[in-house]
Amino acid sequence: MSHYLRAGIANKQFGLTIPFPFIPGNDLSGEIAAVGPDVTAFQVGDLVYGLTMNGATYAEYTVADASQLAQKPSFMDHIQAAGMPLAALTAWQALFDHGHLEAGQVVLINGASGGVGHFAVQFAKMRGARVIGVASGRNAAFLRELGVDQFIDYTTTQVAHTAQNVDLVFDAVGGKHGNHLLQVLKPGGSLVPIFWGNTLLNRRLRLL
């Protein structure tokens, strides 16, 4: 969302009014500099990451509720950790809370190599689904490494000509061409977009 706020897209599409001064950002990763009197899960010096609803994480210091933080994995640096919370949460909610993806189902992930999409690929494989990843050809090796069962290069192939009878379409791209993804769904299938797009409601549609 911070990207859309910076670009002015959120203002135009959703009519948001931003009061200034304004510090964007919700994801964070860093070292705890101070804790409140009732905080027992963390202490000064702990390396943490998380997602705060308070915003204002594009700063040297920020404030977060302890419940919104977790210990930073040791194998990640702060840049990697700060890039994970919102993207991973979006992928998880779209697949499971809204898409109700189950083991053995087929999911097509449009924008599979992106920040949200590559998490969706891994979560879907973890659940035991068959994953069709849609991205440009330059990302084919990356997605195969993540475990996609089928790769579609949208720059050379029409998705609807290659995939059919899909249980769930996860659309991380949106835009004016969203309608073509409806063609790959099986009867009763679901499409879960995470961006606004031109998607006709002629099949069951879940909007995140």
N, C-alpha and C. Protein backbone atom coordinates (compact mmCIF):
# COMPACT_ATOMS: atom_id res chain seq x y z
N MET A 1 0.82 -1.20 0.00
CA MET A 1 0.00 0.00 0.00
C MET A 1 0.86 1.26 0.00
N SER A 2 2.02 1.20 0.64
CA SER A 2 2.88 2.39 0.69
C SER A 2 3.28 2.83 -0.70
N HIS A 3 3.50 1.87 -1.60
CA HIS A 3 3.85 2.21 -2.98
C HIS A 3 2.73 2.99 -3.63
N TYR A 4 1.49 2.57 -3.42
CA TYR A 4 0.35 3.23 -4.04
C TYR A 4 0.12 4.61 -3.44
N LEU A 5 0.43 4.74 -2.16
CA LEU A 5 0.32 6.06 -1.54
C LEU A 5 1.37 7.01 -2.11
N ARG A 6 2.61 6.51 -2.27
CA ARG A 6 3.67 7.36 -2.81
C ARG A 6 3.38 7.78 -4.24
N ALA A 7 2.80 6.85 -5.01
CA ALA A 7 2.53 7.13 -6.42
C ALA A 7 1.24 7.93 -6.62
N GLY A 8 0.47 8.10 -5.57
CA GLY A 8 -0.79 8.83 -5.69
C GLY A 8 -1.93 7.99 -6.21
N ILE A 9 -1.71 6.68 -6.42
CA ILE A 9 -2.75 5.82 -6.97
C ILE A 9 -3.89 5.64 -5.97
N ALA A 10 -3.55 5.46 -4.70
CA ALA A 10 -4.58 5.25 -3.68
C ALA A 10 -5.49 6.47 -3.59
N ASN A 11 -4.92 7.67 -3.76
CA ASN A 11 -5.73 8.88 -3.69
C ASN A 11 -6.75 8.92 -4.83
N LYS A 12 -6.29 8.53 -6.04
CA LYS A 12 -7.16 8.62 -7.22
C LYS A 12 -8.22 7.54 -7.22
N GLN A 13 -7.84 6.30 -6.90
CA GLN A 13 -8.77 5.17 -7.01
C GLN A 13 -9.68 5.03 -5.80
N PHE A 14 -9.19 5.34 -4.62
CA PHE A 14 -9.95 5.09 -3.41
C PHE A 14 -10.35 6.36 -2.67
N GLY A 15 -9.94 7.50 -3.20
CA GLY A 15 -10.34 8.76 -2.59
C GLY A 15 -9.76 9.00 -1.22
N LEU A 16 -8.57 8.45 -0.96
CA LEU A 16 -7.95 8.63 0.34
C LEU A 16 -7.37 10.03 0.46
N THR A 17 -7.55 10.62 1.63
CA THR A 17 -6.96 11.91 1.92
C THR A 17 -5.87 11.71 2.97
N ILE A 18 -4.65 12.06 2.62
CA ILE A 18 -3.51 11.82 3.50
C ILE A 18 -3.14 13.10 4.22
N PRO A 19 -3.19 13.11 5.55
CA PRO A 19 -2.78 14.30 6.29
C PRO A 19 -1.26 14.38 6.35
N PHE A 20 -0.73 15.57 6.21
CA PHE A 20 0.72 15.76 6.28
C PHE A 20 1.08 16.52 7.56
N PRO A 21 2.26 16.25 8.13
CA PRO A 21 3.29 15.32 7.64
C PRO A 21 2.85 13.86 7.79
N PHE A 22 3.31 13.03 6.85
CA PHE A 22 2.89 11.63 6.81
C PHE A 22 4.10 10.73 6.61
N ILE A 23 4.25 9.70 7.44
CA ILE A 23 5.33 8.73 7.31
C ILE A 23 4.71 7.40 6.91
N PRO A 24 4.96 6.89 5.71
CA PRO A 24 4.35 5.63 5.27
C PRO A 24 5.07 4.42 5.85
N GLY A 25 4.59 3.25 5.50
CA GLY A 25 5.24 2.01 5.87
C GLY A 25 4.53 1.24 6.96
N ASN A 26 4.45 -0.10 6.80
CA ASN A 26 3.88 -0.98 7.82
C ASN A 26 4.82 -2.12 8.20
N ASP A 27 5.62 -2.61 7.24
CA ASP A 27 6.59 -3.66 7.54
C ASP A 27 7.80 -3.06 8.25
N LEU A 28 8.42 -3.86 9.09
CA LEU A 28 9.61 -3.37 9.77
C LEU A 28 10.53 -4.52 10.15
N SER A 29 11.79 -4.20 10.33
CA SER A 29 12.76 -5.12 10.88
C SER A 29 13.86 -4.29 11.52
N GLY A 30 14.25 -4.66 12.73
CA GLY A 30 15.27 -3.87 13.41
C GLY A 30 15.57 -4.39 14.80
N GLU A 31 16.22 -3.55 15.57
CA GLU A 31 16.63 -3.89 16.92
C GLU A 31 15.80 -3.10 17.92
N ILE A 32 15.30 -3.76 18.93
CA ILE A 32 14.48 -3.10 19.93
C ILE A 32 15.33 -2.14 20.76
N ALA A 33 14.92 -0.87 20.79
CA ALA A 33 15.65 0.15 21.53
C ALA A 33 15.06 0.39 22.92
N ALA A 34 13.77 0.10 23.07
CA ALA A 34 13.12 0.29 24.37
C ALA A 34 11.85 -0.54 24.39
N VAL A 35 11.42 -0.95 25.60
CA VAL A 35 10.18 -1.72 25.74
C VAL A 35 9.31 -1.07 26.80
N GLY A 36 8.02 -1.31 26.68
CA GLY A 36 7.09 -0.79 27.67
C GLY A 36 7.14 -1.59 28.96
N PRO A 37 6.56 -1.07 30.02
CA PRO A 37 6.66 -1.72 31.34
C PRO A 37 5.98 -3.09 31.41
N ASP A 38 5.01 -3.34 30.54
CA ASP A 38 4.28 -4.61 30.59
C ASP A 38 4.77 -5.62 29.56
N VAL A 39 5.80 -5.28 28.81
CA VAL A 39 6.31 -6.18 27.77
C VAL A 39 7.25 -7.21 28.38
N THR A 40 6.93 -8.49 28.17
CA THR A 40 7.77 -9.57 28.71
C THR A 40 8.35 -10.45 27.62
N ALA A 41 7.79 -10.39 26.42
CA ALA A 41 8.23 -11.28 25.34
C ALA A 41 9.54 -10.82 24.70
N PHE A 42 9.86 -9.54 24.83
CA PHE A 42 11.04 -8.99 24.20
C PHE A 42 11.82 -8.13 25.20
N GLN A 43 13.08 -7.91 24.85
CA GLN A 43 13.90 -7.03 25.66
C GLN A 43 14.79 -6.19 24.75
N VAL A 44 15.36 -5.16 25.30
CA VAL A 44 16.23 -4.27 24.54
C VAL A 44 17.36 -5.08 23.90
N GLY A 45 17.59 -4.82 22.62
CA GLY A 45 18.64 -5.53 21.90
C GLY A 45 18.15 -6.67 21.05
N ASP A 46 16.91 -7.14 21.27
CA ASP A 46 16.36 -8.22 20.45
C ASP A 46 16.20 -7.76 19.01
N LEU A 47 16.48 -8.66 18.08
CA LEU A 47 16.28 -8.40 16.66
C LEU A 47 14.91 -8.95 16.27
N VAL A 48 14.05 -8.07 15.78
CA VAL A 48 12.67 -8.45 15.51
C VAL A 48 12.24 -7.99 14.11
N TYR A 49 11.14 -8.56 13.67
CA TYR A 49 10.50 -8.07 12.45
C TYR A 49 9.00 -8.18 12.66
N GLY A 50 8.22 -7.50 11.82
CA GLY A 50 6.79 -7.58 12.02
C GLY A 50 6.02 -6.65 11.10
N LEU A 51 4.73 -6.56 11.38
CA LEU A 51 3.80 -5.76 10.59
C LEU A 51 2.96 -4.96 11.56
N THR A 52 3.13 -3.66 11.55
CA THR A 52 2.40 -2.81 12.48
C THR A 52 1.28 -2.07 11.77
N MET A 53 0.13 -2.01 12.39
CA MET A 53 -0.99 -1.27 11.83
C MET A 53 -0.87 0.22 12.15
N ASN A 54 0.12 0.59 12.96
CA ASN A 54 0.30 2.01 13.29
C ASN A 54 0.93 2.78 12.15
N GLY A 55 1.60 2.07 11.22
CA GLY A 55 2.30 2.74 10.13
C GLY A 55 3.58 3.38 10.60
N ALA A 56 4.08 4.28 9.79
CA ALA A 56 5.25 5.10 10.13
C ALA A 56 6.51 4.27 10.32
N THR A 57 6.69 3.21 9.51
CA THR A 57 7.90 2.40 9.64
C THR A 57 9.02 2.85 8.72
N TYR A 58 8.76 3.81 7.83
CA TYR A 58 9.83 4.37 7.00
C TYR A 58 10.57 5.42 7.83
N ALA A 59 11.20 4.98 8.88
CA ALA A 59 11.83 5.91 9.80
C ALA A 59 12.96 5.21 10.54
N GLU A 60 13.82 5.99 11.16
CA GLU A 60 14.91 5.40 11.94
C GLU A 60 14.38 4.70 13.18
N TYR A 61 13.35 5.27 13.79
CA TYR A 61 12.70 4.67 14.95
C TYR A 61 11.20 4.64 14.71
N THR A 62 10.54 3.60 15.21
CA THR A 62 9.09 3.52 15.13
C THR A 62 8.59 2.80 16.36
N VAL A 63 7.29 2.82 16.58
CA VAL A 63 6.66 2.19 17.74
C VAL A 63 5.73 1.09 17.24
N ALA A 64 5.79 -0.08 17.88
CA ALA A 64 4.93 -1.19 17.49
C ALA A 64 4.43 -1.92 18.72
N ASP A 65 3.24 -2.47 18.62
CA ASP A 65 2.71 -3.31 19.69
C ASP A 65 3.49 -4.62 19.70
N ALA A 66 3.78 -5.13 20.88
CA ALA A 66 4.57 -6.36 20.99
C ALA A 66 3.91 -7.53 20.28
N SER A 67 2.57 -7.53 20.22
CA SER A 67 1.85 -8.63 19.57
C SER A 67 2.05 -8.63 18.06
N GLN A 68 2.57 -7.54 17.51
CA GLN A 68 2.77 -7.43 16.07
C GLN A 68 4.21 -7.75 15.67
N LEU A 69 5.01 -8.23 16.61
CA LEU A 69 6.42 -8.50 16.35
C LEU A 69 6.76 -9.97 16.59
N ALA A 70 7.85 -10.41 15.98
CA ALA A 70 8.39 -11.76 16.20
C ALA A 70 9.90 -11.67 16.11
N GLN A 71 10.56 -12.66 16.68
CA GLN A 71 12.02 -12.71 16.57
C GLN A 71 12.43 -12.86 15.11
N LYS A 72 13.38 -12.06 14.67
CA LYS A 72 13.84 -12.14 13.29
C LYS A 72 14.62 -13.44 13.08
N PRO A 73 14.28 -14.21 12.04
CA PRO A 73 15.05 -15.42 11.75
C PRO A 73 16.53 -15.09 11.53
N SER A 74 17.41 -15.89 12.07
CA SER A 74 18.84 -15.60 12.00
C SER A 74 19.39 -15.69 10.58
N PHE A 75 18.71 -16.45 9.72
CA PHE A 75 19.20 -16.60 8.34
C PHE A 75 18.78 -15.47 7.43
N MET A 76 18.04 -14.50 7.95
CA MET A 76 17.61 -13.34 7.16
C MET A 76 18.31 -12.09 7.65
N ASP A 77 18.64 -11.21 6.70
CA ASP A 77 19.10 -9.89 7.11
C ASP A 77 17.87 -9.00 7.27
N HIS A 78 18.08 -7.76 7.71
CA HIS A 78 16.94 -6.89 7.99
C HIS A 78 16.17 -6.52 6.72
N ILE A 79 16.85 -6.40 5.61
CA ILE A 79 16.17 -6.06 4.36
C ILE A 79 15.23 -7.19 3.95
N GLN A 80 15.71 -8.42 4.02
CA GLN A 80 14.87 -9.56 3.68
C GLN A 80 13.69 -9.68 4.63
N ALA A 81 13.95 -9.53 5.93
CA ALA A 81 12.88 -9.69 6.91
C ALA A 81 11.82 -8.60 6.77
N ALA A 82 12.24 -7.37 6.48
CA ALA A 82 11.29 -6.27 6.36
C ALA A 82 10.43 -6.41 5.12
N GLY A 83 10.90 -7.18 4.14
CA GLY A 83 10.12 -7.37 2.91
C GLY A 83 9.12 -8.50 2.99
N MET A 84 9.06 -9.20 4.10
CA MET A 84 8.23 -10.40 4.18
C MET A 84 6.84 -10.22 4.76
N PRO A 85 6.61 -9.52 5.85
CA PRO A 85 5.34 -9.64 6.57
C PRO A 85 4.08 -9.37 5.75
N LEU A 86 3.96 -8.20 5.13
CA LEU A 86 2.72 -7.87 4.43
C LEU A 86 2.53 -8.75 3.21
N ALA A 87 3.61 -9.00 2.45
CA ALA A 87 3.51 -9.82 1.25
C ALA A 87 3.10 -11.25 1.61
N ALA A 88 3.74 -11.82 2.62
CA ALA A 88 3.43 -13.19 3.02
C ALA A 88 2.01 -13.29 3.59
N LEU A 89 1.62 -12.32 4.39
CA LEU A 89 0.28 -12.33 4.96
C LEU A 89 -0.78 -12.23 3.87
N THR A 90 -0.55 -11.38 2.88
CA THR A 90 -1.49 -11.24 1.77
C THR A 90 -1.65 -12.55 1.03
N ALA A 91 -0.54 -13.22 0.75
CA ALA A 91 -0.59 -14.50 0.04
C ALA A 91 -1.34 -15.54 0.86
N TRP A 92 -1.05 -15.62 2.15
CA TRP A 92 -1.69 -16.61 3.01
C TRP A 92 -3.20 -16.38 3.08
N GLN A 93 -3.61 -15.14 3.32
CA GLN A 93 -5.03 -14.85 3.45
C GLN A 93 -5.77 -15.12 2.14
N ALA A 94 -5.16 -14.75 1.03
CA ALA A 94 -5.82 -14.95 -0.26
C ALA A 94 -6.01 -16.43 -0.57
N LEU A 95 -4.99 -17.22 -0.33
CA LEU A 95 -5.06 -18.65 -0.64
C LEU A 95 -5.99 -19.41 0.29
N PHE A 96 -5.89 -19.17 1.58
CA PHE A 96 -6.54 -20.03 2.55
C PHE A 96 -7.77 -19.42 3.21
N ASP A 97 -7.71 -18.14 3.60
CA ASP A 97 -8.87 -17.52 4.23
C ASP A 97 -9.97 -17.22 3.21
N HIS A 98 -9.58 -16.80 2.00
CA HIS A 98 -10.55 -16.43 0.98
C HIS A 98 -10.69 -17.50 -0.11
N GLY A 99 -9.58 -18.10 -0.52
CA GLY A 99 -9.63 -19.10 -1.58
C GLY A 99 -9.89 -20.51 -1.08
N HIS A 100 -9.72 -20.75 0.21
CA HIS A 100 -9.97 -22.06 0.83
C HIS A 100 -9.25 -23.19 0.08
N LEU A 101 -8.01 -22.95 -0.28
CA LEU A 101 -7.23 -23.93 -1.02
C LEU A 101 -6.98 -25.16 -0.16
N GLU A 102 -7.14 -26.34 -0.78
CA GLU A 102 -6.94 -27.60 -0.08
C GLU A 102 -5.95 -28.47 -0.84
N ALA A 103 -5.40 -29.43 -0.14
CA ALA A 103 -4.47 -30.38 -0.76
C ALA A 103 -5.14 -31.09 -1.92
N GLY A 104 -4.38 -31.24 -3.00
CA GLY A 104 -4.89 -31.93 -4.18
C GLY A 104 -5.58 -31.02 -5.18
N GLN A 105 -5.89 -29.79 -4.80
CA GLN A 105 -6.51 -28.87 -5.74
C GLN A 105 -5.47 -28.24 -6.65
N VAL A 106 -5.96 -27.64 -7.73
CA VAL A 106 -5.08 -26.96 -8.69
C VAL A 106 -5.27 -25.46 -8.53
N VAL A 107 -4.15 -24.74 -8.33
CA VAL A 107 -4.21 -23.30 -8.20
C VAL A 107 -3.31 -22.67 -9.27
N LEU A 108 -3.84 -21.67 -9.95
CA LEU A 108 -3.06 -20.89 -10.90
C LEU A 108 -2.72 -19.56 -10.25
N ILE A 109 -1.43 -19.24 -10.20
CA ILE A 109 -0.97 -18.02 -9.57
C ILE A 109 -0.45 -17.08 -10.65
N ASN A 110 -1.18 -16.00 -10.89
CA ASN A 110 -0.80 -15.01 -11.88
C ASN A 110 0.08 -13.97 -11.22
N GLY A 111 1.28 -13.75 -11.78
CA GLY A 111 2.26 -12.91 -11.11
C GLY A 111 3.02 -13.71 -10.08
N ALA A 112 3.33 -14.96 -10.43
CA ALA A 112 3.90 -15.90 -9.46
C ALA A 112 5.30 -15.55 -9.00
N SER A 113 6.01 -14.74 -9.76
CA SER A 113 7.39 -14.42 -9.38
C SER A 113 7.50 -13.12 -8.59
N GLY A 114 6.37 -12.44 -8.35
CA GLY A 114 6.39 -11.17 -7.65
C GLY A 114 6.50 -11.33 -6.15
N GLY A 115 6.50 -10.20 -5.44
CA GLY A 115 6.68 -10.19 -4.01
C GLY A 115 5.64 -11.01 -3.27
N VAL A 116 4.36 -10.90 -3.67
CA VAL A 116 3.30 -11.69 -3.06
C VAL A 116 3.21 -13.06 -3.71
N GLY A 117 3.34 -13.09 -5.03
CA GLY A 117 3.16 -14.33 -5.78
C GLY A 117 4.13 -15.43 -5.40
N HIS A 118 5.40 -15.08 -5.15
CA HIS A 118 6.36 -16.15 -4.86
C HIS A 118 6.13 -16.75 -3.47
N PHE A 119 5.51 -15.97 -2.56
CA PHE A 119 5.09 -16.56 -1.30
C PHE A 119 3.89 -17.49 -1.53
N ALA A 120 2.97 -17.07 -2.39
CA ALA A 120 1.80 -17.89 -2.68
C ALA A 120 2.20 -19.24 -3.25
N VAL A 121 3.20 -19.25 -4.12
CA VAL A 121 3.68 -20.52 -4.69
C VAL A 121 4.13 -21.45 -3.58
N GLN A 122 4.93 -20.95 -2.67
CA GLN A 122 5.49 -21.78 -1.62
C GLN A 122 4.41 -22.26 -0.63
N PHE A 123 3.48 -21.37 -0.30
CA PHE A 123 2.41 -21.76 0.61
C PHE A 123 1.52 -22.83 -0.02
N ALA A 124 1.21 -22.66 -1.32
CA ALA A 124 0.35 -23.62 -2.00
C ALA A 124 1.01 -24.99 -2.09
N LYS A 125 2.31 -25.00 -2.37
CA LYS A 125 3.03 -26.28 -2.41
C LYS A 125 3.07 -26.91 -1.03
N MET A 126 3.26 -26.11 -0.01
CA MET A 126 3.27 -26.61 1.35
C MET A 126 1.94 -27.26 1.71
N ARG A 127 0.82 -26.72 1.18
CA ARG A 127 -0.50 -27.26 1.46
C ARG A 127 -0.76 -28.54 0.66
N GLY A 128 0.04 -28.79 -0.38
CA GLY A 128 -0.15 -30.00 -1.17
C GLY A 128 -0.96 -29.78 -2.43
N ALA A 129 -1.04 -28.54 -2.90
CA ALA A 129 -1.77 -28.23 -4.12
C ALA A 129 -0.86 -28.37 -5.34
N ARG A 130 -1.47 -28.51 -6.50
CA ARG A 130 -0.74 -28.47 -7.77
C ARG A 130 -0.71 -27.01 -8.21
N VAL A 131 0.47 -26.48 -8.50
CA VAL A 131 0.64 -25.05 -8.74
C VAL A 131 1.02 -24.78 -10.19
N ILE A 132 0.25 -23.90 -10.83
CA ILE A 132 0.57 -23.38 -12.14
C ILE A 132 1.03 -21.95 -11.95
N GLY A 133 2.27 -21.65 -12.31
CA GLY A 133 2.82 -20.31 -12.12
C GLY A 133 2.85 -19.54 -13.43
N VAL A 134 2.32 -18.33 -13.42
CA VAL A 134 2.31 -17.46 -14.60
C VAL A 134 3.22 -16.28 -14.34
N ALA A 135 4.20 -16.09 -15.22
CA ALA A 135 5.15 -14.99 -15.12
C ALA A 135 5.85 -14.86 -16.46
N SER A 136 6.80 -13.95 -16.57
CA SER A 136 7.57 -13.83 -17.81
C SER A 136 8.65 -14.90 -17.84
N GLY A 137 9.13 -15.20 -19.02
CA GLY A 137 10.07 -16.29 -19.21
C GLY A 137 11.35 -16.16 -18.40
N ARG A 138 11.78 -14.93 -18.12
CA ARG A 138 13.03 -14.75 -17.40
C ARG A 138 12.95 -15.28 -15.96
N ASN A 139 11.73 -15.53 -15.48
CA ASN A 139 11.55 -16.02 -14.12
C ASN A 139 11.23 -17.51 -14.06
N ALA A 140 11.34 -18.20 -15.18
CA ALA A 140 10.97 -19.61 -15.22
C ALA A 140 11.82 -20.45 -14.27
N ALA A 141 13.13 -20.27 -14.32
CA ALA A 141 14.02 -21.08 -13.48
C ALA A 141 13.76 -20.81 -12.00
N PHE A 142 13.53 -19.56 -11.65
CA PHE A 142 13.25 -19.20 -10.26
C PHE A 142 12.00 -19.91 -9.75
N LEU A 143 10.94 -19.91 -10.56
CA LEU A 143 9.69 -20.51 -10.13
C LEU A 143 9.78 -22.03 -10.09
N ARG A 144 10.51 -22.60 -11.00
CA ARG A 144 10.69 -24.06 -10.95
C ARG A 144 11.48 -24.45 -9.70
N GLU A 145 12.41 -23.60 -9.30
CA GLU A 145 13.15 -23.86 -8.07
C GLU A 145 12.23 -23.82 -6.86
N LEU A 146 11.21 -22.95 -6.92
CA LEU A 146 10.25 -22.86 -5.82
C LEU A 146 9.26 -24.01 -5.82
N GLY A 147 9.19 -24.74 -6.95
CA GLY A 147 8.37 -25.95 -6.97
C GLY A 147 7.13 -25.92 -7.83
N VAL A 148 6.96 -24.91 -8.72
CA VAL A 148 5.76 -24.91 -9.56
C VAL A 148 5.71 -26.18 -10.39
N ASP A 149 4.51 -26.71 -10.56
CA ASP A 149 4.33 -27.93 -11.34
C ASP A 149 4.23 -27.63 -12.83
N GLN A 150 3.76 -26.43 -13.16
CA GLN A 150 3.65 -26.01 -14.56
C GLN A 150 3.94 -24.52 -14.63
N PHE A 151 4.73 -24.13 -15.63
CA PHE A 151 5.07 -22.72 -15.80
C PHE A 151 4.48 -22.22 -17.11
N ILE A 152 3.87 -21.04 -17.08
CA ILE A 152 3.32 -20.41 -18.28
C ILE A 152 3.96 -19.05 -18.44
N ASP A 153 4.59 -18.83 -19.58
CA ASP A 153 5.19 -17.54 -19.92
C ASP A 153 4.11 -16.70 -20.59
N TYR A 154 3.59 -15.72 -19.88
CA TYR A 154 2.48 -14.94 -20.41
C TYR A 154 2.88 -14.08 -21.60
N THR A 155 4.18 -13.87 -21.80
CA THR A 155 4.62 -13.05 -22.93
C THR A 155 4.57 -13.81 -24.25
N THR A 156 4.49 -15.12 -24.18
CA THR A 156 4.47 -15.94 -25.41
C THR A 156 3.25 -16.84 -25.50
N THR A 157 2.53 -17.01 -24.41
CA THR A 157 1.44 -17.98 -24.38
C THR A 157 0.21 -17.38 -23.72
N GLN A 158 -0.94 -17.63 -24.30
CA GLN A 158 -2.18 -17.20 -23.68
C GLN A 158 -2.56 -18.19 -22.58
N VAL A 159 -2.75 -17.68 -21.40
CA VAL A 159 -3.01 -18.54 -20.24
C VAL A 159 -4.21 -19.43 -20.47
N ALA A 160 -5.28 -18.87 -21.03
CA ALA A 160 -6.51 -19.63 -21.22
C ALA A 160 -6.35 -20.76 -22.22
N HIS A 161 -5.33 -20.72 -23.05
CA HIS A 161 -5.09 -21.79 -24.02
C HIS A 161 -4.27 -22.92 -23.41
N THR A 162 -3.72 -22.69 -22.23
CA THR A 162 -2.80 -23.67 -21.63
C THR A 162 -3.33 -24.29 -20.35
N ALA A 163 -4.11 -23.56 -19.59
CA ALA A 163 -4.64 -24.05 -18.31
C ALA A 163 -6.16 -24.11 -18.36
N GLN A 164 -6.71 -25.19 -17.84
CA GLN A 164 -8.16 -25.36 -17.78
C GLN A 164 -8.53 -26.11 -16.49
N ASN A 165 -9.80 -25.99 -16.09
CA ASN A 165 -10.34 -26.72 -14.94
C ASN A 165 -9.54 -26.47 -13.66
N VAL A 166 -9.21 -25.21 -13.43
CA VAL A 166 -8.46 -24.81 -12.24
C VAL A 166 -9.43 -24.56 -11.09
N ASP A 167 -9.07 -25.03 -9.91
CA ASP A 167 -9.93 -24.82 -8.74
C ASP A 167 -9.88 -23.39 -8.24
N LEU A 168 -8.69 -22.81 -8.25
CA LEU A 168 -8.50 -21.47 -7.69
C LEU A 168 -7.51 -20.69 -8.54
N VAL A 169 -7.89 -19.46 -8.87
CA VAL A 169 -6.97 -18.53 -9.52
C VAL A 169 -6.63 -17.45 -8.51
N PHE A 170 -5.34 -17.30 -8.27
CA PHE A 170 -4.82 -16.24 -7.40
C PHE A 170 -4.21 -15.19 -8.32
N ASP A 171 -4.83 -14.03 -8.39
CA ASP A 171 -4.38 -13.00 -9.33
C ASP A 171 -3.66 -11.89 -8.58
N ALA A 172 -2.32 -11.88 -8.72
CA ALA A 172 -1.51 -10.86 -8.07
C ALA A 172 -1.14 -9.74 -9.04
N VAL A 173 -1.84 -9.66 -10.17
CA VAL A 173 -1.54 -8.65 -11.19
C VAL A 173 -2.68 -7.66 -11.33
N GLY A 174 -3.91 -8.15 -11.51
CA GLY A 174 -5.05 -7.26 -11.69
C GLY A 174 -5.02 -6.57 -13.03
N GLY A 175 -5.62 -5.39 -13.10
CA GLY A 175 -5.60 -4.63 -14.34
C GLY A 175 -6.78 -4.94 -15.25
N LYS A 176 -6.72 -4.38 -16.45
CA LYS A 176 -7.86 -4.43 -17.37
C LYS A 176 -8.05 -5.77 -18.06
N HIS A 177 -7.07 -6.67 -17.91
CA HIS A 177 -7.18 -7.96 -18.59
C HIS A 177 -7.53 -9.10 -17.64
N GLY A 178 -8.07 -8.78 -16.49
CA GLY A 178 -8.39 -9.81 -15.52
C GLY A 178 -9.44 -10.81 -15.98
N ASN A 179 -10.29 -10.41 -16.92
CA ASN A 179 -11.36 -11.29 -17.37
C ASN A 179 -10.86 -12.61 -17.95
N HIS A 180 -9.72 -12.60 -18.62
CA HIS A 180 -9.28 -13.82 -19.29
C HIS A 180 -8.97 -14.94 -18.31
N LEU A 181 -8.70 -14.58 -17.05
CA LEU A 181 -8.40 -15.61 -16.06
C LEU A 181 -9.64 -16.40 -15.66
N LEU A 182 -10.82 -15.81 -15.85
CA LEU A 182 -12.04 -16.53 -15.53
C LEU A 182 -12.23 -17.75 -16.42
N GLN A 183 -11.63 -17.72 -17.59
CA GLN A 183 -11.80 -18.82 -18.55
C GLN A 183 -11.13 -20.11 -18.10
N VAL A 184 -10.17 -20.03 -17.19
CA VAL A 184 -9.43 -21.23 -16.80
C VAL A 184 -10.09 -21.93 -15.62
N LEU A 185 -11.10 -21.31 -14.99
CA LEU A 185 -11.72 -21.88 -13.81
C LEU A 185 -12.65 -23.03 -14.16
N LYS A 186 -12.70 -24.01 -13.31
CA LYS A 186 -13.69 -25.06 -13.43
C LYS A 186 -15.00 -24.53 -12.86
N PRO A 187 -16.15 -25.12 -13.19
CA PRO A 187 -17.42 -24.68 -12.60
C PRO A 187 -17.34 -24.73 -11.08
N GLY A 188 -17.70 -23.62 -10.45
CA GLY A 188 -17.63 -23.52 -9.00
C GLY A 188 -16.28 -23.09 -8.48
N GLY A 189 -15.32 -22.86 -9.39
CA GLY A 189 -14.00 -22.39 -8.98
C GLY A 189 -14.03 -20.96 -8.49
N SER A 190 -12.94 -20.53 -7.92
CA SER A 190 -12.87 -19.19 -7.34
C SER A 190 -11.69 -18.41 -7.90
N LEU A 191 -11.88 -17.11 -8.07
CA LEU A 191 -10.80 -16.20 -8.44
C LEU A 191 -10.61 -15.22 -7.30
N VAL A 192 -9.38 -15.13 -6.80
CA VAL A 192 -9.08 -14.21 -5.71
C VAL A 192 -8.06 -13.19 -6.20
N PRO A 193 -8.50 -11.97 -6.54
CA PRO A 193 -7.55 -10.92 -6.91
C PRO A 193 -7.11 -10.12 -5.70
N ILE A 194 -5.88 -9.65 -5.71
CA ILE A 194 -5.43 -8.80 -4.61
C ILE A 194 -5.30 -7.35 -5.04
N PHE A 195 -5.56 -7.06 -6.34
CA PHE A 195 -5.61 -5.69 -6.84
C PHE A 195 -6.92 -5.51 -7.60
N TRP A 196 -7.38 -4.28 -7.67
CA TRP A 196 -8.58 -4.00 -8.45
C TRP A 196 -8.30 -4.27 -9.92
N GLY A 197 -9.28 -4.89 -10.58
CA GLY A 197 -9.13 -5.17 -12.01
C GLY A 197 -10.48 -5.29 -12.67
N ASN A 198 -10.46 -5.49 -13.98
CA ASN A 198 -11.67 -5.61 -14.77
C ASN A 198 -12.08 -7.07 -14.82
N THR A 199 -12.82 -7.52 -13.83
CA THR A 199 -13.22 -8.91 -13.73
C THR A 199 -14.73 -9.01 -13.65
N LEU A 200 -15.35 -9.56 -14.68
CA LEU A 200 -16.79 -9.71 -14.70
C LEU A 200 -17.24 -10.76 -13.70
N LEU A 201 -18.35 -10.51 -13.06
CA LEU A 201 -18.84 -11.42 -12.03
C LEU A 201 -19.73 -12.50 -12.64
N ASN A 202 -19.21 -13.17 -13.69
CA ASN A 202 -20.01 -14.20 -14.33
C ASN A 202 -19.68 -15.59 -13.80
N ARG A 203 -18.76 -15.66 -12.83
CA ARG A 203 -18.51 -16.87 -12.09
C ARG A 203 -18.28 -16.47 -10.63
N ARG A 204 -18.22 -17.45 -9.76
CA ARG A 204 -18.05 -17.14 -8.36
C ARG A 204 -16.72 -16.41 -8.16
N LEU A 205 -16.77 -15.23 -7.58
CA LEU A 205 -15.59 -14.38 -7.44
C LEU A 205 -15.41 -13.99 -5.98
N ARG A 206 -14.20 -14.19 -5.48
CA ARG A 206 -13.87 -13.74 -4.13
C ARG A 206 -12.90 -12.58 -4.26
N LEU A 207 -13.20 -11.48 -3.63
CA LEU A 207 -12.33 -10.30 -3.72
C LEU A 207 -11.69 -10.03 -2.38
N LEU A 208 -10.34 -10.01 -2.36
CA LEU A 208 -9.60 -9.72 -1.13
C LEU A 208 -9.33 -8.24 -1.07
